[in-house]
Amino acid sequence: MSDIVIGILLAAGASACFNLATVVQAGETRKVERSSSASLALLGHLVRRKRWLAGVGVQVIAVPLQLAALTFAPLAVVQPADATGLVVLLIAGQRMLGEKATWREAAAVGAILLGVVGVALNGPAHSPDNAGALELVIVLAPLTLLALSPYLIRRELPSNVMVLAAGTAFALTAFLMKILSDSLLNHAWGALIIWGAAAALIAVLGLSSEQSALQERPVARVAPVIFVLELALPIALGPIVGGEHWPTDPATVALLLASLLLTIAGAFSLMRSGPVAAVLVAEQQAEAAPGDGSAATPG
C-alpha cells in the first residue's frame, strides 16, 4: 500500500503541472492566426511565444513525475489520482481572483478524494508487465486512428471532433507511459526508445488538436471533456494493455467501479465550477492585452 500512496502523490504532482500548463497556454492559442484544419503549423506559431513555451516547460516537469507514478502504482490508480491536481486550479481561483468556493466545489473535491481512496483500496495490483502484441494492437490501433484523424483527413473539422481527437491522443499517451514505465523497470532500453518516441509524437499531435479546439471553444468547454476522456479510457481499457488484473469478487468490483465513477464525476464538476472556470476565462482574456505583434482573432 505504501507504494500506491507514493504513486498517488507523484500522479497528483504531475496533474498539478499539467493543469497549470493548460491555464498558461490557453490565452496564447487565440492570439495566432486561425487555421482551417489541424496541422502542426499552429504549434510552429505558438513556439515563438514565451508564455506558451513556459507552459510546455511545466509539462516537461510533469512527464517524469507521471512516469515515476506508474512505476509505483497501477494505471487504474494513477489515472484517477491525476484528478487531485485540479485542486490547484480551485485554489488559484480563490486566491488570485477572489472567487468563493461553494458546497459544489467542496463536494467535487470530496468526491475526487473519496474516489481515489476507493480505487487505491479496491483496484488492481501494480504489474511491471504489459499486454502481448495482439492485445496492444486491438486496443491501441483504433485509438491511434482516432487521434490521427484530423491529420489524416486534412480538412476543416468541427471543434468537437478536435476535442475528441485530443482527448483520445492524451489517453493513448497514458497507455504509452505505462508501457514506458514497464520498459524502464524491465531494463528494456530498445523498447524504451521506441515507445518513448511514439509517446512524444502522439503527445505533440494531441497538443496540436487541443490548441486547435481552443481557438474556437472556451477552455471551460474543452478542458473538462479532454480530461474525462484522458481519465476514463485508460481506466476502462487499462487491464487489457497494462497487464493489470481487476478483482474478481463482485463486491470489490462494484466498489471499484463506484469509486471510478465518483472520481470522474467530481473531476468534471470541478472543472466546470465557478472558481476553476474563472481562472481559465481570466487566462483567455489575456488575449485582449497588447501582444507581441501577432494578430488576434475573434473568439
Protein backbone atom coordinates (compact mmCIF):
# COMPACT_ATOMS: atom_id res chain seq x y z
CA MET A 1 0.00 0.00 0.00
CA SER A 2 2.92 2.38 0.66
CA ASP A 3 3.96 2.13 -3.00
CA ILE A 4 0.44 3.05 -4.11
CA VAL A 5 0.46 6.09 -1.82
CA ILE A 6 3.75 7.22 -3.38
CA GLY A 7 2.30 6.67 -6.83
CA ILE A 8 -0.79 8.74 -5.97
CA LEU A 9 1.34 11.61 -4.65
CA LEU A 10 3.53 11.59 -7.77
CA ALA A 11 0.47 11.48 -10.03
CA ALA A 12 -1.08 14.40 -8.15
CA GLY A 13 2.10 16.42 -8.68
CA ALA A 14 2.13 15.58 -12.37
CA SER A 15 -1.53 16.56 -12.72
CA ALA A 16 -0.91 19.88 -10.98
CA CYS A 17 1.82 20.65 -13.52
CA PHE A 18 -0.33 19.63 -16.48
CA ASN A 19 -3.23 21.79 -15.30
CA LEU A 20 -1.04 24.82 -14.71
CA ALA A 21 0.37 24.38 -18.21
CA THR A 22 -3.13 24.30 -19.69
CA VAL A 23 -4.01 27.54 -17.92
CA VAL A 24 -0.81 29.26 -19.04
CA GLN A 25 -1.22 28.21 -22.66
CA ALA A 26 -4.94 28.84 -23.05
CA GLY A 27 -4.71 32.58 -23.65
CA GLU A 28 -1.99 32.20 -26.23
CA THR A 29 -3.75 30.00 -28.76
CA ARG A 30 -6.27 32.68 -29.70
CA LYS A 31 -3.55 35.22 -30.46
CA VAL A 32 -2.29 33.37 -33.51
CA GLU A 33 -3.86 33.11 -36.92
CA ARG A 34 -6.62 30.52 -37.03
CA SER A 35 -6.04 27.54 -39.29
CA SER A 36 -8.79 25.91 -41.34
CA SER A 37 -7.59 22.41 -40.49
CA ALA A 38 -5.48 20.63 -37.93
CA SER A 39 -1.78 20.96 -38.62
CA LEU A 40 1.50 21.39 -36.80
CA ALA A 41 1.72 24.92 -38.25
CA LEU A 42 -0.23 26.17 -35.22
CA LEU A 43 2.45 24.80 -32.92
CA GLY A 44 5.02 26.47 -35.13
CA HIS A 45 3.43 29.83 -34.31
CA LEU A 46 2.98 29.03 -30.64
CA VAL A 47 6.61 28.05 -30.01
CA ARG A 48 7.55 31.67 -30.73
CA ARG A 49 5.55 32.83 -27.74
CA LYS A 50 7.40 32.83 -24.42
CA ARG A 51 4.28 32.35 -22.31
CA TRP A 52 3.24 29.29 -24.29
CA LEU A 53 6.74 27.84 -24.04
CA ALA A 54 6.61 28.37 -20.28
CA GLY A 55 3.56 26.09 -20.24
CA VAL A 56 5.49 23.48 -22.21
CA GLY A 57 8.27 23.71 -19.63
CA VAL A 58 5.78 22.93 -16.86
CA GLN A 59 4.52 19.95 -18.88
CA VAL A 60 8.07 18.68 -19.26
CA ILE A 61 8.39 18.64 -15.48
CA ALA A 62 5.15 16.65 -15.25
CA VAL A 63 6.31 13.83 -17.54
CA PRO A 64 8.93 12.24 -15.24
CA LEU A 65 6.55 12.60 -12.30
CA GLN A 66 3.85 10.69 -14.21
CA LEU A 67 6.36 8.08 -15.34
CA ALA A 68 7.59 7.61 -11.78
CA ALA A 69 4.00 7.29 -10.54
CA LEU A 70 3.43 4.39 -12.93
CA THR A 71 6.45 2.55 -11.55
CA PHE A 72 4.83 2.55 -8.10
CA ALA A 73 1.11 2.23 -8.79
CA PRO A 74 -1.11 0.60 -11.44
CA LEU A 75 -2.56 2.62 -14.29
CA ALA A 76 -6.09 2.19 -12.88
CA VAL A 77 -4.96 4.06 -9.75
CA VAL A 78 -2.64 6.64 -11.33
CA GLN A 79 -5.24 7.98 -13.78
CA PRO A 80 -7.89 8.71 -11.11
CA ALA A 81 -5.17 10.22 -8.90
CA ASP A 82 -4.49 12.71 -11.68
CA ALA A 83 -7.82 14.33 -10.81
CA THR A 84 -6.44 15.52 -7.46
CA GLY A 85 -4.29 18.08 -9.30
CA LEU A 86 -7.45 20.01 -10.18
CA VAL A 87 -7.48 21.33 -6.61
CA VAL A 88 -4.62 23.62 -7.69
CA LEU A 89 -6.97 25.40 -10.10
CA LEU A 90 -9.60 25.72 -7.39
CA ILE A 91 -7.10 27.34 -5.03
CA ALA A 92 -5.89 29.64 -7.82
CA GLY A 93 -9.47 30.79 -8.46
CA GLN A 94 -9.90 31.65 -4.80
CA ARG A 95 -6.55 33.31 -4.16
CA MET A 96 -5.97 35.07 -7.49
CA LEU A 97 -9.50 36.15 -8.41
CA GLY A 98 -11.32 36.16 -5.09
CA GLU A 99 -13.83 33.55 -6.24
CA LYS A 100 -15.56 31.84 -3.34
CA ALA A 101 -15.79 28.06 -3.24
CA THR A 102 -19.29 26.78 -2.55
CA TRP A 103 -20.72 23.46 -1.44
CA ARG A 104 -20.49 22.33 -5.08
CA GLU A 105 -16.71 22.71 -5.17
CA ALA A 106 -16.35 21.14 -1.73
CA ALA A 107 -18.49 18.19 -2.84
CA ALA A 108 -16.45 17.79 -6.04
CA VAL A 109 -13.15 17.76 -4.14
CA GLY A 110 -14.61 15.32 -1.63
CA ALA A 111 -15.81 13.06 -4.43
CA ILE A 112 -12.37 13.05 -6.04
CA LEU A 113 -10.55 12.27 -2.79
CA LEU A 114 -13.06 9.61 -1.77
CA GLY A 115 -12.95 8.09 -5.25
CA VAL A 116 -9.16 7.94 -5.33
CA VAL A 117 -9.08 6.28 -1.89
CA GLY A 118 -11.69 3.78 -3.05
CA VAL A 119 -9.69 2.97 -6.19
CA ALA A 120 -6.50 2.55 -4.18
CA LEU A 121 -8.19 0.14 -1.77
CA ASN A 122 -10.09 -1.90 -4.36
CA GLY A 123 -8.08 -1.52 -7.56
CA PRO A 124 -5.71 -3.98 -9.23
CA ALA A 125 -2.18 -4.59 -8.01
CA HIS A 126 0.73 -2.98 -9.81
CA SER A 127 2.28 -5.06 -12.59
CA PRO A 128 5.65 -4.42 -14.25
CA ASP A 129 4.42 -6.16 -17.40
CA ASN A 130 2.13 -5.11 -20.23
CA ALA A 131 -0.10 -6.98 -22.63
CA GLY A 132 1.05 -9.00 -25.60
CA ALA A 133 1.38 -7.65 -29.11
CA LEU A 134 -2.11 -8.74 -30.21
CA GLU A 135 -3.86 -7.08 -27.27
CA LEU A 136 -1.84 -3.90 -27.79
CA VAL A 137 -2.83 -3.74 -31.46
CA ILE A 138 -6.51 -4.40 -30.70
CA VAL A 139 -6.66 -1.57 -28.16
CA LEU A 140 -4.14 0.96 -29.42
CA ALA A 141 -4.75 0.84 -33.19
CA PRO A 142 -8.32 2.26 -33.11
CA LEU A 143 -7.28 4.92 -30.61
CA THR A 144 -4.32 5.86 -32.78
CA LEU A 145 -6.52 6.24 -35.86
CA LEU A 146 -8.93 8.46 -33.93
CA ALA A 147 -6.10 10.58 -32.54
CA LEU A 148 -4.58 10.97 -36.01
CA SER A 149 -7.88 11.53 -37.83
CA PRO A 150 -7.57 15.35 -38.04
CA TYR A 151 -4.18 14.98 -39.70
CA LEU A 152 -5.20 12.12 -41.99
CA ILE A 153 -8.39 13.81 -43.23
CA ARG A 154 -6.63 17.14 -43.75
CA ARG A 155 -9.73 19.31 -43.96
CA GLU A 156 -11.64 21.55 -41.62
CA LEU A 157 -13.33 19.58 -38.88
CA PRO A 158 -15.85 20.61 -36.20
CA SER A 159 -14.27 21.71 -32.96
CA ASN A 160 -15.94 18.85 -31.06
CA VAL A 161 -14.05 16.40 -33.28
CA MET A 162 -10.81 18.15 -32.40
CA VAL A 163 -11.67 17.85 -28.71
CA LEU A 164 -12.37 14.13 -29.14
CA ALA A 165 -9.11 13.63 -31.04
CA ALA A 166 -7.14 15.49 -28.37
CA GLY A 167 -8.69 13.53 -25.52
CA THR A 168 -8.04 10.26 -27.31
CA ALA A 169 -4.44 11.25 -28.01
CA PHE A 170 -3.80 12.06 -24.36
CA ALA A 171 -5.45 8.80 -23.28
CA LEU A 172 -3.22 6.97 -25.75
CA THR A 173 -0.23 8.78 -24.27
CA ALA A 174 -1.25 7.46 -20.83
CA PHE A 175 -1.17 3.90 -22.21
CA LEU A 176 2.25 4.53 -23.76
CA MET A 177 3.53 5.97 -20.48
CA LYS A 178 2.52 2.71 -18.78
CA ILE A 179 4.46 0.75 -21.40
CA LEU A 180 7.42 3.11 -20.92
CA SER A 181 7.43 2.56 -17.17
CA ASP A 182 7.31 -1.21 -17.70
CA SER A 183 10.22 -1.00 -20.14
CA LEU A 184 12.15 1.05 -17.61
CA LEU A 185 11.55 -1.44 -14.80
CA ASN A 186 12.50 -4.35 -17.07
CA HIS A 187 15.58 -2.55 -18.45
CA ALA A 188 14.25 -2.95 -21.99
CA TRP A 189 16.17 0.01 -23.39
CA GLY A 190 15.30 -0.61 -27.03
CA ALA A 191 11.59 -0.69 -26.28
CA LEU A 192 12.02 2.37 -24.09
CA ILE A 193 13.38 4.37 -27.04
CA ILE A 194 10.73 3.15 -29.49
CA TRP A 195 7.75 3.66 -27.22
CA GLY A 196 9.19 6.92 -25.94
CA ALA A 197 9.33 8.29 -29.47
CA ALA A 198 5.76 7.12 -30.11
CA ALA A 199 4.53 8.73 -26.88
CA ALA A 200 6.24 12.02 -27.74
CA LEU A 201 4.70 12.05 -31.23
CA ILE A 202 1.18 11.29 -30.01
CA ALA A 203 1.50 13.88 -27.24
CA VAL A 204 2.54 16.56 -29.73
CA LEU A 205 -0.37 15.70 -32.05
CA GLY A 206 -2.79 15.72 -29.11
CA LEU A 207 -1.44 19.09 -28.03
CA SER A 208 -1.93 20.44 -31.55
CA SER A 209 -5.52 19.17 -31.64
CA GLU A 210 -6.20 20.69 -28.23
CA GLN A 211 -4.78 24.07 -29.27
CA SER A 212 -6.87 23.99 -32.46
CA ALA A 213 -10.02 23.34 -30.41
CA LEU A 214 -9.12 26.20 -28.06
CA GLN A 215 -9.15 28.60 -30.99
CA GLU A 216 -12.87 28.04 -31.40
CA ARG A 217 -14.12 26.98 -27.98
CA PRO A 218 -13.59 28.37 -24.48
CA VAL A 219 -11.29 26.37 -22.24
CA ALA A 220 -14.19 25.55 -19.92
CA ARG A 221 -15.79 23.58 -22.78
CA VAL A 222 -12.56 21.93 -23.93
CA ALA A 223 -10.52 21.01 -20.87
CA PRO A 224 -13.23 19.10 -18.93
CA VAL A 225 -14.10 16.86 -21.87
CA ILE A 226 -10.47 16.14 -22.70
CA PHE A 227 -9.70 15.42 -19.07
CA VAL A 228 -12.58 12.97 -18.69
CA LEU A 229 -11.57 11.13 -21.87
CA GLU A 230 -7.96 11.05 -20.69
CA LEU A 231 -9.14 9.68 -17.36
CA ALA A 232 -11.83 7.22 -18.44
CA LEU A 233 -10.30 5.46 -21.46
CA PRO A 234 -7.13 4.23 -19.69
CA ILE A 235 -9.23 3.10 -16.73
CA ALA A 236 -11.64 1.16 -18.95
CA LEU A 237 -9.00 -0.38 -21.21
CA GLY A 238 -6.02 -0.41 -18.84
CA PRO A 239 -6.43 -4.04 -17.72
CA ILE A 240 -6.05 -5.12 -21.35
CA VAL A 241 -2.98 -3.01 -22.09
CA GLY A 242 -1.32 -2.79 -18.70
CA GLY A 243 -1.34 -6.42 -17.70
CA GLU A 244 -3.19 -5.49 -14.52
CA HIS A 245 -5.88 -7.86 -13.33
CA TRP A 246 -9.05 -6.41 -11.88
CA PRO A 247 -10.53 -8.08 -8.79
CA THR A 248 -12.92 -10.97 -9.32
CA ASP A 249 -15.02 -10.52 -6.19
CA PRO A 250 -18.33 -8.88 -7.27
CA ALA A 251 -18.49 -6.63 -4.21
CA THR A 252 -14.93 -5.39 -4.75
CA VAL A 253 -15.61 -4.77 -8.43
CA ALA A 254 -18.74 -2.80 -7.54
CA LEU A 255 -16.78 -0.66 -5.09
CA LEU A 256 -14.04 -0.10 -7.66
CA LEU A 257 -16.48 0.97 -10.38
CA ALA A 258 -18.33 3.24 -7.97
CA SER A 259 -15.03 4.84 -6.93
CA LEU A 260 -14.00 5.40 -10.54
CA LEU A 261 -17.35 6.96 -11.44
CA LEU A 262 -17.19 9.14 -8.34
CA THR A 263 -13.74 10.39 -9.30
CA ILE A 264 -14.75 11.14 -12.90
CA ALA A 265 -17.94 12.94 -11.81
CA GLY A 266 -16.02 15.01 -9.25
CA ALA A 267 -13.36 15.96 -11.80
CA PHE A 268 -15.90 17.00 -14.42
CA SER A 269 -17.90 19.03 -11.90
CA LEU A 270 -14.81 20.75 -10.50
CA MET A 271 -13.51 21.74 -13.93
CA ARG A 272 -16.85 23.42 -14.69
CA SER A 273 -17.15 25.14 -11.31
CA GLY A 274 -17.03 28.90 -10.78
CA PRO A 275 -13.52 29.34 -9.31
CA VAL A 276 -11.84 26.98 -11.79
CA ALA A 277 -13.74 28.42 -14.77
CA ALA A 278 -12.80 31.93 -13.62
CA VAL A 279 -9.11 31.07 -13.75
CA LEU A 280 -9.44 29.63 -17.23
CA VAL A 281 -11.51 32.56 -18.52
CA ALA A 282 -9.06 35.05 -17.00
CA GLU A 283 -6.26 33.42 -18.93
CA GLN A 284 -8.28 33.60 -22.13
CA GLN A 285 -8.87 37.31 -21.61
CA ALA A 286 -5.12 37.83 -21.72
CA GLU A 287 -5.56 37.96 -25.48
CA ALA A 288 -7.00 41.45 -25.10
CA ALA A 289 -3.69 42.70 -23.70
CA PRO A 290 -1.04 44.14 -26.03
CA GLY A 291 0.83 41.24 -27.55
CA ASP A 292 3.96 40.67 -29.50
CA GLY A 293 2.63 41.82 -32.83
CA SER A 294 0.62 38.73 -33.69
CA ALA A 295 -2.88 39.37 -34.95
CA ALA A 296 -5.61 38.43 -32.52
CA THR A 297 -8.57 36.56 -33.86
CA PRO A 298 -12.10 36.86 -32.54
CA GLY A 299 -13.34 34.12 -30.22
